[in-house]
Structures are given as C-alpha cells and as structure tokens.
Amino acid sequence: MEKMVGQLVNMLAKGGNLSQLSDAIGGSPRATRSALELLLPSMIHAMNRNTNSRDGADSLLNALKRDHDGSILERLGEAISRPDETSGTGILGHLFGSKTRAVESGVGRATGLDAGQITRLMITVAPIVLGLLGKLRSQKNLDTDALSNLLGRADAEVRPRTRKRLSPLMQFLDQDGDGDVSGEVIRIGTGLLGRLFRK
C-alpha cells in the first residue's frame, strides 16, 4: 500500500486539487505545494507523538470512529471549497496545541504565504488528513495499538531527504511545554525553516 504521507501528497499537492487549494487560499500553486510538503508530514508526526500515550491513542481512535469515517475523501472538491472550519480548528488544537500559531507563522514565512493563507490551508487540510486515517482504520479494523503502530510507521516512512528538511520543524513540535513560543517563531521566521527550500 502507498505510504500515508505519499497518499496525502498525491491527493492534495497535485493536479486539480492543488489548483483548487491554491485558488481557495489565494496563493500560487508552487507556494501551496511547498506549504503542504511541510504541513502534511508534520501533522502525521504530531499525531504519532500524541499517540505515544494510551490516553492520546484512545482519544484519536474514538474521534476517528465518531467523526472521521473517510467519506470526506469522496467529496474533496466540496471539502476544499467549503471547509468545515470548526472541525479543522479543533483538529489543529489537538495536534499542535498552543504551538498552532507558531507553526502557521513559521510555515508561512518559509513559503511566502501570509498567516491567513496558511491558517485557511491548515483548517482545510486537517479534516482530510483525519479522513484518510479514518478510512484506513475502518478498512483494517484498527484498535488503539494498531493505530499507534500505523502512525509510527507513517512518520518513519517520510523519505530521509524530506525528513532532513523537516528536522527543524519536527524538533520544534517535540519541545515540551505550552508556554510562550514567540522565541521559536522568531527563530523559524529568521531562517530555520526558510532554508528548507533553498537546499
């Protein structure tokens, strides 16, 4: 089976869906794809990190059963043009917590998209990511442990070159604590992530 991050990139960062996404957020296709290539593996990484605890894994499994059956994948056009902002915002809160704005700011500065464009992109994409995960859960009848293992493999399967580029963002996400992260935003914005696409 195609790797999860690869599935997401093929689904969202190519062809008509990429054009629709870039039009929806008001950015260029190239910048939108660059942002997706940062955000999609980062979302998988955050989910994997959250499922390292039993409570986190149980919470995600229950959310998938309750709200994310994969049907969103059958109406991607509608999901992109009219995203569920309440759902998307809630998912981002669970994934990134107080670091959500810092991630948005850093990715925006790395890609040239403004904060509003990145916010809309993240809100749009987050339910689609969970939709794919929910579809895989249903197809494979995953329990908590199997779901955690699936995410661990998906996180590890990111290509080494891509992982090297993402390393600063991954390290940032893995920092413990949910206090003031303005310092991290400054570091990201002044080149930590900005170097990613110049290598």
N, C-alpha and C. Protein backbone atom coordinates (compact mmCIF):
# COMPACT_ATOMS: atom_id res chain seq x y z
N MET A 1 0.84 -1.20 0.00
CA MET A 1 0.00 0.00 0.00
C MET A 1 0.87 1.24 0.00
N GLU A 2 0.46 2.26 -0.71
CA GLU A 2 1.20 3.51 -0.76
C GLU A 2 1.32 4.11 0.63
N LYS A 3 2.46 4.70 0.91
CA LYS A 3 2.70 5.29 2.22
C LYS A 3 1.71 6.42 2.46
N MET A 4 1.35 6.63 3.75
CA MET A 4 0.30 7.57 4.07
C MET A 4 0.63 8.99 3.64
N VAL A 5 1.85 9.45 3.95
CA VAL A 5 2.21 10.81 3.56
C VAL A 5 2.21 10.93 2.04
N GLY A 6 2.68 9.90 1.35
CA GLY A 6 2.66 9.91 -0.11
C GLY A 6 1.25 9.98 -0.65
N GLN A 7 0.33 9.25 -0.03
CA GLN A 7 -1.06 9.32 -0.44
C GLN A 7 -1.60 10.73 -0.30
N LEU A 8 -1.28 11.37 0.82
CA LEU A 8 -1.77 12.72 1.06
C LEU A 8 -1.19 13.71 0.06
N VAL A 9 0.10 13.58 -0.21
CA VAL A 9 0.73 14.48 -1.18
C VAL A 9 0.12 14.28 -2.56
N ASN A 10 -0.06 13.03 -2.96
CA ASN A 10 -0.66 12.75 -4.27
C ASN A 10 -2.10 13.24 -4.35
N MET A 11 -2.78 13.18 -3.23
CA MET A 11 -4.18 13.58 -3.19
C MET A 11 -4.34 15.10 -3.24
N LEU A 12 -3.47 15.83 -2.54
CA LEU A 12 -3.70 17.25 -2.32
C LEU A 12 -2.72 18.17 -3.03
N ALA A 13 -1.53 17.68 -3.32
CA ALA A 13 -0.47 18.57 -3.82
C ALA A 13 -0.24 18.41 -5.31
N LYS A 14 -1.18 17.81 -6.02
CA LYS A 14 -1.04 17.62 -7.45
C LYS A 14 -2.36 17.91 -8.15
N GLY A 15 -2.25 18.27 -9.42
CA GLY A 15 -3.41 18.35 -10.29
C GLY A 15 -4.48 19.33 -9.86
N GLY A 16 -5.72 18.92 -10.12
CA GLY A 16 -6.84 19.81 -9.87
C GLY A 16 -7.03 20.18 -8.42
N ASN A 17 -6.75 19.26 -7.52
CA ASN A 17 -6.92 19.58 -6.10
C ASN A 17 -5.94 20.66 -5.66
N LEU A 18 -4.70 20.61 -6.16
CA LEU A 18 -3.73 21.65 -5.83
C LEU A 18 -4.19 23.00 -6.38
N SER A 19 -4.67 23.00 -7.60
CA SER A 19 -5.18 24.26 -8.18
C SER A 19 -6.33 24.81 -7.37
N GLN A 20 -7.22 23.92 -6.95
CA GLN A 20 -8.38 24.37 -6.18
C GLN A 20 -7.95 24.89 -4.80
N LEU A 21 -6.99 24.19 -4.18
CA LEU A 21 -6.49 24.64 -2.88
C LEU A 21 -5.81 26.00 -3.00
N SER A 22 -4.97 26.16 -4.00
CA SER A 22 -4.26 27.43 -4.15
C SER A 22 -5.23 28.57 -4.45
N ASP A 23 -6.25 28.30 -5.25
CA ASP A 23 -7.27 29.32 -5.51
C ASP A 23 -8.04 29.66 -4.22
N ALA A 24 -8.34 28.63 -3.42
CA ALA A 24 -9.12 28.83 -2.21
C ALA A 24 -8.39 29.69 -1.19
N ILE A 25 -7.06 29.54 -1.11
CA ILE A 25 -6.32 30.32 -0.12
C ILE A 25 -5.71 31.58 -0.73
N GLY A 26 -5.79 31.72 -2.06
CA GLY A 26 -5.24 32.90 -2.71
C GLY A 26 -3.73 32.88 -2.83
N GLY A 27 -3.15 31.70 -2.96
CA GLY A 27 -1.70 31.58 -3.12
C GLY A 27 -1.36 30.91 -4.43
N SER A 28 -0.09 30.94 -4.78
CA SER A 28 0.34 30.28 -6.01
C SER A 28 0.37 28.77 -5.79
N PRO A 29 0.21 27.98 -6.86
CA PRO A 29 0.31 26.53 -6.70
C PRO A 29 1.65 26.09 -6.13
N ARG A 30 2.73 26.75 -6.54
CA ARG A 30 4.05 26.36 -6.05
C ARG A 30 4.17 26.59 -4.55
N ALA A 31 3.74 27.74 -4.08
CA ALA A 31 3.83 28.03 -2.64
C ALA A 31 2.89 27.13 -1.85
N THR A 32 1.72 26.86 -2.41
CA THR A 32 0.77 25.98 -1.73
C THR A 32 1.33 24.58 -1.60
N ARG A 33 1.94 24.08 -2.66
CA ARG A 33 2.55 22.75 -2.59
C ARG A 33 3.68 22.72 -1.56
N SER A 34 4.51 23.75 -1.56
CA SER A 34 5.60 23.81 -0.58
C SER A 34 5.06 23.77 0.85
N ALA A 35 3.97 24.51 1.09
CA ALA A 35 3.37 24.51 2.42
C ALA A 35 2.82 23.13 2.76
N LEU A 36 2.18 22.48 1.80
CA LEU A 36 1.66 21.13 2.04
C LEU A 36 2.78 20.15 2.35
N GLU A 37 3.90 20.29 1.67
CA GLU A 37 5.01 19.37 1.91
C GLU A 37 5.62 19.54 3.29
N LEU A 38 5.41 20.70 3.90
CA LEU A 38 5.78 20.89 5.30
C LEU A 38 4.69 20.42 6.24
N LEU A 39 3.46 20.77 5.92
CA LEU A 39 2.36 20.54 6.87
C LEU A 39 1.92 19.09 6.96
N LEU A 40 1.84 18.39 5.83
CA LEU A 40 1.29 17.03 5.86
C LEU A 40 2.13 16.08 6.72
N PRO A 41 3.45 15.97 6.50
CA PRO A 41 4.23 15.10 7.38
C PRO A 41 4.27 15.61 8.82
N SER A 42 4.16 16.93 9.00
CA SER A 42 4.16 17.46 10.36
C SER A 42 2.90 17.07 11.11
N MET A 43 1.77 17.02 10.42
CA MET A 43 0.53 16.58 11.05
C MET A 43 0.62 15.11 11.43
N ILE A 44 1.17 14.28 10.54
CA ILE A 44 1.35 12.87 10.87
C ILE A 44 2.29 12.71 12.06
N HIS A 45 3.36 13.50 12.06
CA HIS A 45 4.31 13.45 13.17
C HIS A 45 3.63 13.83 14.48
N ALA A 46 2.82 14.88 14.45
CA ALA A 46 2.13 15.31 15.67
C ALA A 46 1.15 14.25 16.15
N MET A 47 0.43 13.62 15.23
CA MET A 47 -0.49 12.55 15.63
C MET A 47 0.26 11.37 16.22
N ASN A 48 1.38 11.02 15.59
CA ASN A 48 2.18 9.92 16.12
C ASN A 48 2.68 10.25 17.52
N ARG A 49 3.13 11.46 17.71
CA ARG A 49 3.62 11.87 19.03
C ARG A 49 2.49 11.81 20.06
N ASN A 50 1.31 12.25 19.66
CA ASN A 50 0.18 12.25 20.59
C ASN A 50 -0.25 10.84 20.98
N THR A 51 -0.06 9.87 20.05
CA THR A 51 -0.50 8.51 20.35
C THR A 51 0.56 7.71 21.11
N ASN A 52 1.65 8.36 21.50
CA ASN A 52 2.63 7.68 22.34
C ASN A 52 2.09 7.40 23.73
N SER A 53 1.06 8.13 24.11
CA SER A 53 0.38 7.84 25.38
C SER A 53 -0.91 7.08 25.09
N ARG A 54 -1.30 6.23 26.01
CA ARG A 54 -2.53 5.45 25.84
C ARG A 54 -3.74 6.36 25.74
N ASP A 55 -3.79 7.39 26.57
CA ASP A 55 -4.92 8.32 26.52
C ASP A 55 -5.00 9.01 25.17
N GLY A 56 -3.85 9.41 24.65
CA GLY A 56 -3.83 10.08 23.36
C GLY A 56 -4.28 9.17 22.24
N ALA A 57 -3.82 7.94 22.27
CA ALA A 57 -4.19 6.97 21.24
C ALA A 57 -5.68 6.65 21.32
N ASP A 58 -6.19 6.46 22.53
CA ASP A 58 -7.62 6.18 22.71
C ASP A 58 -8.47 7.35 22.22
N SER A 59 -8.02 8.56 22.54
CA SER A 59 -8.77 9.75 22.13
C SER A 59 -8.83 9.86 20.62
N LEU A 60 -7.72 9.61 19.93
CA LEU A 60 -7.72 9.68 18.48
C LEU A 60 -8.59 8.59 17.88
N LEU A 61 -8.48 7.38 18.39
CA LEU A 61 -9.30 6.28 17.87
C LEU A 61 -10.78 6.60 18.01
N ASN A 62 -11.18 7.11 19.16
CA ASN A 62 -12.59 7.45 19.37
C ASN A 62 -13.04 8.57 18.44
N ALA A 63 -12.16 9.55 18.21
CA ALA A 63 -12.51 10.65 17.30
C ALA A 63 -12.70 10.13 15.88
N LEU A 64 -11.85 9.21 15.46
CA LEU A 64 -11.98 8.64 14.12
C LEU A 64 -13.29 7.87 13.98
N LYS A 65 -13.62 7.08 14.99
CA LYS A 65 -14.86 6.30 14.94
C LYS A 65 -16.08 7.21 14.90
N ARG A 66 -15.99 8.30 15.65
CA ARG A 66 -17.15 9.18 15.81
C ARG A 66 -17.34 10.15 14.65
N ASP A 67 -16.24 10.73 14.17
CA ASP A 67 -16.36 11.88 13.28
C ASP A 67 -15.65 11.76 11.93
N HIS A 68 -14.80 10.74 11.75
CA HIS A 68 -13.98 10.71 10.55
C HIS A 68 -13.98 9.31 9.93
N ASP A 69 -15.03 9.07 9.13
CA ASP A 69 -15.18 7.74 8.54
C ASP A 69 -14.56 7.63 7.15
N GLY A 70 -13.97 8.72 6.67
CA GLY A 70 -13.35 8.70 5.35
C GLY A 70 -14.24 9.21 4.24
N SER A 71 -15.50 9.50 4.54
CA SER A 71 -16.41 9.94 3.48
C SER A 71 -15.99 11.29 2.89
N ILE A 72 -15.22 12.07 3.64
CA ILE A 72 -14.76 13.37 3.13
C ILE A 72 -13.91 13.19 1.87
N LEU A 73 -13.26 12.03 1.74
CA LEU A 73 -12.41 11.79 0.57
C LEU A 73 -13.22 11.65 -0.71
N GLU A 74 -14.51 11.36 -0.57
CA GLU A 74 -15.38 11.22 -1.73
C GLU A 74 -15.96 12.55 -2.19
N ARG A 75 -15.70 13.60 -1.43
CA ARG A 75 -16.19 14.94 -1.78
C ARG A 75 -15.10 15.98 -1.52
N LEU A 76 -13.93 15.69 -2.05
CA LEU A 76 -12.78 16.57 -1.81
C LEU A 76 -13.01 17.98 -2.33
N GLY A 77 -13.65 18.08 -3.48
CA GLY A 77 -13.89 19.41 -4.04
C GLY A 77 -14.67 20.28 -3.08
N GLU A 78 -15.73 19.73 -2.52
CA GLU A 78 -16.54 20.47 -1.55
C GLU A 78 -15.74 20.76 -0.29
N ALA A 79 -14.96 19.78 0.17
CA ALA A 79 -14.17 19.96 1.39
C ALA A 79 -13.13 21.06 1.23
N ILE A 80 -12.62 21.23 0.01
CA ILE A 80 -11.64 22.27 -0.25
C ILE A 80 -12.30 23.63 -0.42
N SER A 81 -13.40 23.68 -1.15
CA SER A 81 -14.04 24.96 -1.43
C SER A 81 -14.86 25.47 -0.25
N ARG A 82 -15.39 24.54 0.54
CA ARG A 82 -16.18 24.93 1.72
C ARG A 82 -15.74 24.12 2.94
N PRO A 83 -14.57 24.41 3.46
CA PRO A 83 -14.04 23.62 4.57
C PRO A 83 -14.86 23.78 5.84
N ASP A 84 -14.87 22.74 6.65
CA ASP A 84 -15.53 22.77 7.95
C ASP A 84 -14.56 23.44 8.93
N GLU A 85 -14.72 24.74 9.12
CA GLU A 85 -13.76 25.50 9.92
C GLU A 85 -13.76 25.07 11.38
N THR A 86 -14.93 24.72 11.90
CA THR A 86 -14.99 24.28 13.30
C THR A 86 -14.21 23.00 13.50
N SER A 87 -14.43 22.04 12.60
CA SER A 87 -13.70 20.78 12.68
C SER A 87 -12.21 20.98 12.50
N GLY A 88 -11.84 21.75 11.47
CA GLY A 88 -10.42 21.97 11.20
C GLY A 88 -9.70 22.64 12.34
N THR A 89 -10.33 23.66 12.92
CA THR A 89 -9.71 24.37 14.04
C THR A 89 -9.55 23.46 15.25
N GLY A 90 -10.56 22.64 15.50
CA GLY A 90 -10.49 21.72 16.63
C GLY A 90 -9.38 20.69 16.45
N ILE A 91 -9.25 20.16 15.24
CA ILE A 91 -8.20 19.17 14.98
C ILE A 91 -6.82 19.79 15.20
N LEU A 92 -6.62 21.00 14.69
CA LEU A 92 -5.32 21.66 14.85
C LEU A 92 -5.00 21.89 16.32
N GLY A 93 -6.02 22.21 17.10
CA GLY A 93 -5.81 22.38 18.52
C GLY A 93 -5.32 21.11 19.18
N HIS A 94 -5.89 19.98 18.77
CA HIS A 94 -5.46 18.69 19.33
C HIS A 94 -4.06 18.31 18.85
N LEU A 95 -3.75 18.63 17.59
CA LEU A 95 -2.46 18.24 17.04
C LEU A 95 -1.32 19.09 17.58
N PHE A 96 -1.49 20.40 17.50
CA PHE A 96 -0.38 21.31 17.79
C PHE A 96 -0.55 22.11 19.07
N GLY A 97 -1.76 22.13 19.64
CA GLY A 97 -1.99 22.85 20.87
C GLY A 97 -1.62 24.32 20.73
N SER A 98 -0.93 24.83 21.74
CA SER A 98 -0.57 26.25 21.75
C SER A 98 0.47 26.60 20.71
N LYS A 99 1.03 25.60 20.05
CA LYS A 99 2.05 25.85 19.03
C LYS A 99 1.45 26.05 17.64
N THR A 100 0.13 25.98 17.53
CA THR A 100 -0.51 26.09 16.21
C THR A 100 -0.11 27.38 15.51
N ARG A 101 -0.24 28.51 16.19
CA ARG A 101 0.07 29.80 15.56
C ARG A 101 1.55 29.89 15.19
N ALA A 102 2.40 29.30 16.01
CA ALA A 102 3.82 29.32 15.70
C ALA A 102 4.11 28.51 14.44
N VAL A 103 3.46 27.36 14.31
CA VAL A 103 3.63 26.53 13.11
C VAL A 103 3.14 27.30 11.88
N GLU A 104 1.97 27.91 12.00
CA GLU A 104 1.43 28.69 10.89
C GLU A 104 2.39 29.80 10.48
N SER A 105 2.92 30.52 11.47
CA SER A 105 3.82 31.63 11.18
C SER A 105 5.11 31.14 10.52
N GLY A 106 5.67 30.07 11.06
CA GLY A 106 6.92 29.55 10.51
C GLY A 106 6.77 29.03 9.10
N VAL A 107 5.70 28.25 8.86
CA VAL A 107 5.48 27.72 7.51
C VAL A 107 5.17 28.85 6.54
N GLY A 108 4.43 29.84 7.01
CA GLY A 108 4.12 30.98 6.14
C GLY A 108 5.37 31.71 5.72
N ARG A 109 6.27 31.94 6.67
CA ARG A 109 7.49 32.66 6.33
C ARG A 109 8.41 31.82 5.44
N ALA A 110 8.35 30.51 5.61
CA ALA A 110 9.19 29.64 4.79
C ALA A 110 8.71 29.56 3.35
N THR A 111 7.42 29.79 3.13
CA THR A 111 6.85 29.58 1.80
C THR A 111 6.41 30.87 1.12
N GLY A 112 6.39 31.97 1.86
CA GLY A 112 5.94 33.23 1.29
C GLY A 112 4.45 33.46 1.38
N LEU A 113 3.71 32.52 1.93
CA LEU A 113 2.28 32.70 2.14
C LEU A 113 2.06 33.49 3.42
N ASP A 114 0.99 34.28 3.47
CA ASP A 114 0.74 35.04 4.69
C ASP A 114 0.00 34.18 5.71
N ALA A 115 -0.11 34.71 6.92
CA ALA A 115 -0.68 33.94 8.03
C ALA A 115 -2.11 33.48 7.73
N GLY A 116 -2.89 34.36 7.12
CA GLY A 116 -4.27 34.00 6.81
C GLY A 116 -4.35 32.86 5.81
N GLN A 117 -3.47 32.86 4.82
CA GLN A 117 -3.45 31.79 3.82
C GLN A 117 -3.06 30.46 4.45
N ILE A 118 -2.05 30.46 5.31
CA ILE A 118 -1.63 29.23 5.98
C ILE A 118 -2.72 28.73 6.91
N THR A 119 -3.36 29.63 7.63
CA THR A 119 -4.45 29.23 8.53
C THR A 119 -5.55 28.54 7.75
N ARG A 120 -5.95 29.12 6.63
CA ARG A 120 -7.02 28.51 5.83
C ARG A 120 -6.59 27.16 5.28
N LEU A 121 -5.33 27.08 4.85
CA LEU A 121 -4.83 25.82 4.31
C LEU A 121 -4.85 24.73 5.39
N MET A 122 -4.38 25.05 6.59
CA MET A 122 -4.35 24.07 7.66
C MET A 122 -5.75 23.64 8.06
N ILE A 123 -6.66 24.60 8.18
CA ILE A 123 -8.04 24.28 8.55
C ILE A 123 -8.69 23.39 7.49
N THR A 124 -8.38 23.63 6.23
CA THR A 124 -8.95 22.84 5.14
C THR A 124 -8.40 21.43 5.11
N VAL A 125 -7.09 21.31 5.30
CA VAL A 125 -6.42 20.03 5.12
C VAL A 125 -6.59 19.10 6.32
N ALA A 126 -6.66 19.64 7.52
CA ALA A 126 -6.69 18.80 8.72
C ALA A 126 -7.82 17.76 8.71
N PRO A 127 -9.07 18.12 8.37
CA PRO A 127 -10.12 17.08 8.33
C PRO A 127 -9.88 16.04 7.25
N ILE A 128 -9.20 16.41 6.16
CA ILE A 128 -8.90 15.46 5.09
C ILE A 128 -7.87 14.45 5.56
N VAL A 129 -6.86 14.92 6.29
CA VAL A 129 -5.86 14.02 6.85
C VAL A 129 -6.53 13.00 7.78
N LEU A 130 -7.39 13.48 8.65
CA LEU A 130 -8.08 12.55 9.55
C LEU A 130 -9.06 11.66 8.80
N GLY A 131 -9.61 12.18 7.69
CA GLY A 131 -10.48 11.35 6.88
C GLY A 131 -9.75 10.15 6.30
N LEU A 132 -8.54 10.37 5.79
CA LEU A 132 -7.75 9.25 5.28
C LEU A 132 -7.41 8.28 6.39
N LEU A 133 -7.02 8.80 7.54
CA LEU A 133 -6.69 7.93 8.66
C LEU A 133 -7.93 7.15 9.12
N GLY A 134 -9.08 7.80 9.12
CA GLY A 134 -10.31 7.12 9.50
C GLY A 134 -10.69 6.03 8.52
N LYS A 135 -10.45 6.27 7.25
CA LYS A 135 -10.72 5.24 6.23
C LYS A 135 -9.81 4.03 6.44
N LEU A 136 -8.52 4.28 6.72
CA LEU A 136 -7.59 3.18 6.96
C LEU A 136 -7.97 2.42 8.24
N ARG A 137 -8.43 3.15 9.24
CA ARG A 137 -8.84 2.49 10.49
C ARG A 137 -10.00 1.54 10.23
N SER A 138 -10.97 2.02 9.43
CA SER A 138 -12.13 1.20 9.14
C SER A 138 -11.77 0.00 8.27
N GLN A 139 -10.96 0.22 7.25
CA GLN A 139 -10.58 -0.87 6.35
C GLN A 139 -9.82 -1.97 7.07
N LYS A 140 -8.96 -1.57 7.99
CA LYS A 140 -8.08 -2.53 8.67
C LYS A 140 -8.60 -2.92 10.06
N ASN A 141 -9.75 -2.33 10.45
CA ASN A 141 -10.33 -2.60 11.76
C ASN A 141 -9.28 -2.40 12.87
N LEU A 142 -8.64 -1.24 12.86
CA LEU A 142 -7.54 -0.97 13.77
C LEU A 142 -8.03 -0.73 15.19
N ASP A 143 -7.32 -1.32 16.15
CA ASP A 143 -7.54 -0.95 17.55
C ASP A 143 -6.50 0.09 17.94
N THR A 144 -6.45 0.45 19.22
CA THR A 144 -5.57 1.52 19.66
C THR A 144 -4.12 1.23 19.35
N ASP A 145 -3.66 0.04 19.67
CA ASP A 145 -2.26 -0.30 19.43
C ASP A 145 -1.92 -0.30 17.94
N ALA A 146 -2.81 -0.86 17.14
CA ALA A 146 -2.56 -0.92 15.70
C ALA A 146 -2.56 0.47 15.08
N LEU A 147 -3.43 1.35 15.58
CA LEU A 147 -3.46 2.72 15.08
C LEU A 147 -2.15 3.43 15.41
N SER A 148 -1.69 3.26 16.64
CA SER A 148 -0.42 3.86 17.05
C SER A 148 0.73 3.34 16.20
N ASN A 149 0.74 2.04 15.93
CA ASN A 149 1.79 1.44 15.10
C ASN A 149 1.74 1.97 13.67
N LEU A 150 0.53 2.13 13.14
CA LEU A 150 0.37 2.66 11.78
C LEU A 150 0.95 4.06 11.68
N LEU A 151 0.64 4.90 12.66
CA LEU A 151 1.15 6.26 12.63
C LEU A 151 2.67 6.29 12.82
N GLY A 152 3.17 5.38 13.66
CA GLY A 152 4.62 5.31 13.84
C GLY A 152 5.33 4.97 12.54
N ARG A 153 4.76 4.02 11.79
CA ARG A 153 5.36 3.65 10.51
C ARG A 153 5.25 4.79 9.51
N ALA A 154 4.09 5.45 9.48
CA ALA A 154 3.90 6.55 8.54
C ALA A 154 4.87 7.69 8.83
N ASP A 155 5.08 7.96 10.09
CA ASP A 155 6.02 9.01 10.48
C ASP A 155 7.44 8.64 10.07
N ALA A 156 7.80 7.39 10.28
CA ALA A 156 9.16 6.93 9.97
C ALA A 156 9.40 6.79 8.47
N GLU A 157 8.33 6.63 7.69
CA GLU A 157 8.47 6.37 6.27
C GLU A 157 8.71 7.62 5.43
N VAL A 158 8.67 8.79 6.06
CA VAL A 158 8.98 10.00 5.32
C VAL A 158 10.41 9.88 4.79
N ARG A 159 10.59 10.17 3.53
CA ARG A 159 11.90 9.97 2.90
C ARG A 159 13.00 10.70 3.66
N PRO A 160 14.17 10.08 3.76
CA PRO A 160 15.27 10.70 4.53
C PRO A 160 15.56 12.14 4.14
N ARG A 161 15.55 12.42 2.83
CA ARG A 161 15.83 13.78 2.39
C ARG A 161 14.76 14.74 2.90
N THR A 162 13.50 14.32 2.81
CA THR A 162 12.41 15.15 3.30
C THR A 162 12.50 15.32 4.81
N ARG A 163 12.83 14.23 5.50
CA ARG A 163 12.93 14.30 6.96
C ARG A 163 14.04 15.27 7.37
N LYS A 164 15.15 15.26 6.62
CA LYS A 164 16.23 16.19 6.94
C LYS A 164 15.76 17.63 6.81
N ARG A 165 15.01 17.89 5.76
CA ARG A 165 14.48 19.24 5.56
C ARG A 165 13.50 19.63 6.66
N LEU A 166 12.72 18.65 7.12
CA LEU A 166 11.70 18.92 8.13
C LEU A 166 12.25 18.94 9.55
N SER A 167 13.49 18.54 9.73
CA SER A 167 14.04 18.35 11.06
C SER A 167 13.82 19.54 11.99
N PRO A 168 14.07 20.79 11.55
CA PRO A 168 13.85 21.91 12.47
C PRO A 168 12.41 22.01 12.97
N LEU A 169 11.45 21.77 12.06
CA LEU A 169 10.05 21.84 12.47
C LEU A 169 9.70 20.69 13.40
N MET A 170 10.21 19.49 13.11
CA MET A 170 9.95 18.35 13.98
C MET A 170 10.50 18.61 15.38
N GLN A 171 11.71 19.15 15.46
CA GLN A 171 12.31 19.43 16.75
C GLN A 171 11.48 20.45 17.51
N PHE A 172 10.97 21.44 16.79
CA PHE A 172 10.14 22.44 17.42
C PHE A 172 8.87 21.82 17.99
N LEU A 173 8.23 20.95 17.21
CA LEU A 173 7.00 20.31 17.66
C LEU A 173 7.25 19.41 18.86
N ASP A 174 8.45 18.84 18.95
CA ASP A 174 8.75 17.91 20.03
C ASP A 174 9.18 18.60 21.32
N GLN A 175 9.33 19.92 21.29
CA GLN A 175 9.66 20.62 22.52
C GLN A 175 8.48 20.53 23.47
N ASP A 176 8.78 20.19 24.70
CA ASP A 176 7.72 20.08 25.70
C ASP A 176 7.34 21.45 26.23
N GLY A 177 6.15 21.51 26.81
CA GLY A 177 5.69 22.76 27.38
C GLY A 177 4.79 23.49 26.41
N ASP A 178 3.88 24.28 26.96
CA ASP A 178 2.94 25.00 26.11
C ASP A 178 2.91 26.47 26.50
N GLY A 179 4.06 26.99 26.88
CA GLY A 179 4.13 28.40 27.25
C GLY A 179 4.33 29.28 26.04
N ASP A 180 4.99 30.41 26.28
CA ASP A 180 5.22 31.38 25.22
C ASP A 180 6.20 30.81 24.19
N VAL A 181 5.78 30.74 22.94
CA VAL A 181 6.66 30.20 21.91
C VAL A 181 7.07 31.28 20.91
N SER A 182 6.96 32.54 21.31
CA SER A 182 7.30 33.61 20.38
C SER A 182 8.76 33.53 19.96
N GLY A 183 9.63 33.09 20.86
CA GLY A 183 11.05 32.95 20.51
C GLY A 183 11.25 31.95 19.40
N GLU A 184 10.50 30.82 19.46
CA GLU A 184 10.62 29.81 18.41
C GLU A 184 10.10 30.36 17.09
N VAL A 185 9.05 31.18 17.14
CA VAL A 185 8.52 31.77 15.91
C VAL A 185 9.59 32.65 15.26
N ILE A 186 10.27 33.44 16.08
CA ILE A 186 11.31 34.31 15.54
C ILE A 186 12.42 33.49 14.91
N ARG A 187 12.86 32.43 15.58
CA ARG A 187 13.93 31.60 15.06
C ARG A 187 13.50 30.95 13.75
N ILE A 188 12.28 30.46 13.69
CA ILE A 188 11.79 29.85 12.45
C ILE A 188 11.74 30.91 11.35
N GLY A 189 11.16 32.04 11.67
CA GLY A 189 10.97 33.08 10.66
C GLY A 189 12.26 33.69 10.16
N THR A 190 13.34 33.62 10.95
CA THR A 190 14.59 34.23 10.51
C THR A 190 15.51 33.23 9.87
N GLY A 191 14.99 32.08 9.47
CA GLY A 191 15.80 31.21 8.64
C GLY A 191 15.78 29.74 8.96
N LEU A 192 15.29 29.34 10.14
CA LEU A 192 15.34 27.93 10.50
C LEU A 192 14.56 27.10 9.49
N LEU A 193 13.33 27.54 9.18
CA LEU A 193 12.55 26.87 8.14
C LEU A 193 12.78 27.49 6.77
N GLY A 194 13.16 28.75 6.76
CA GLY A 194 13.33 29.43 5.48
C GLY A 194 14.40 28.80 4.61
N ARG A 195 15.35 28.06 5.23
CA ARG A 195 16.40 27.41 4.47
C ARG A 195 15.93 26.13 3.81
N LEU A 196 14.78 25.62 4.19
CA LEU A 196 14.37 24.29 3.75
C LEU A 196 14.31 24.17 2.24
N PHE A 197 13.77 25.17 1.58
CA PHE A 197 13.53 25.06 0.15
C PHE A 197 14.64 25.69 -0.68
N ARG A 198 15.76 26.02 -0.02
CA ARG A 198 16.91 26.54 -0.76
C ARG A 198 18.02 25.51 -0.84
N LYS A 199 17.76 24.29 -0.34
CA LYS A 199 18.76 23.23 -0.37
C LYS A 199 18.60 22.40 -1.63
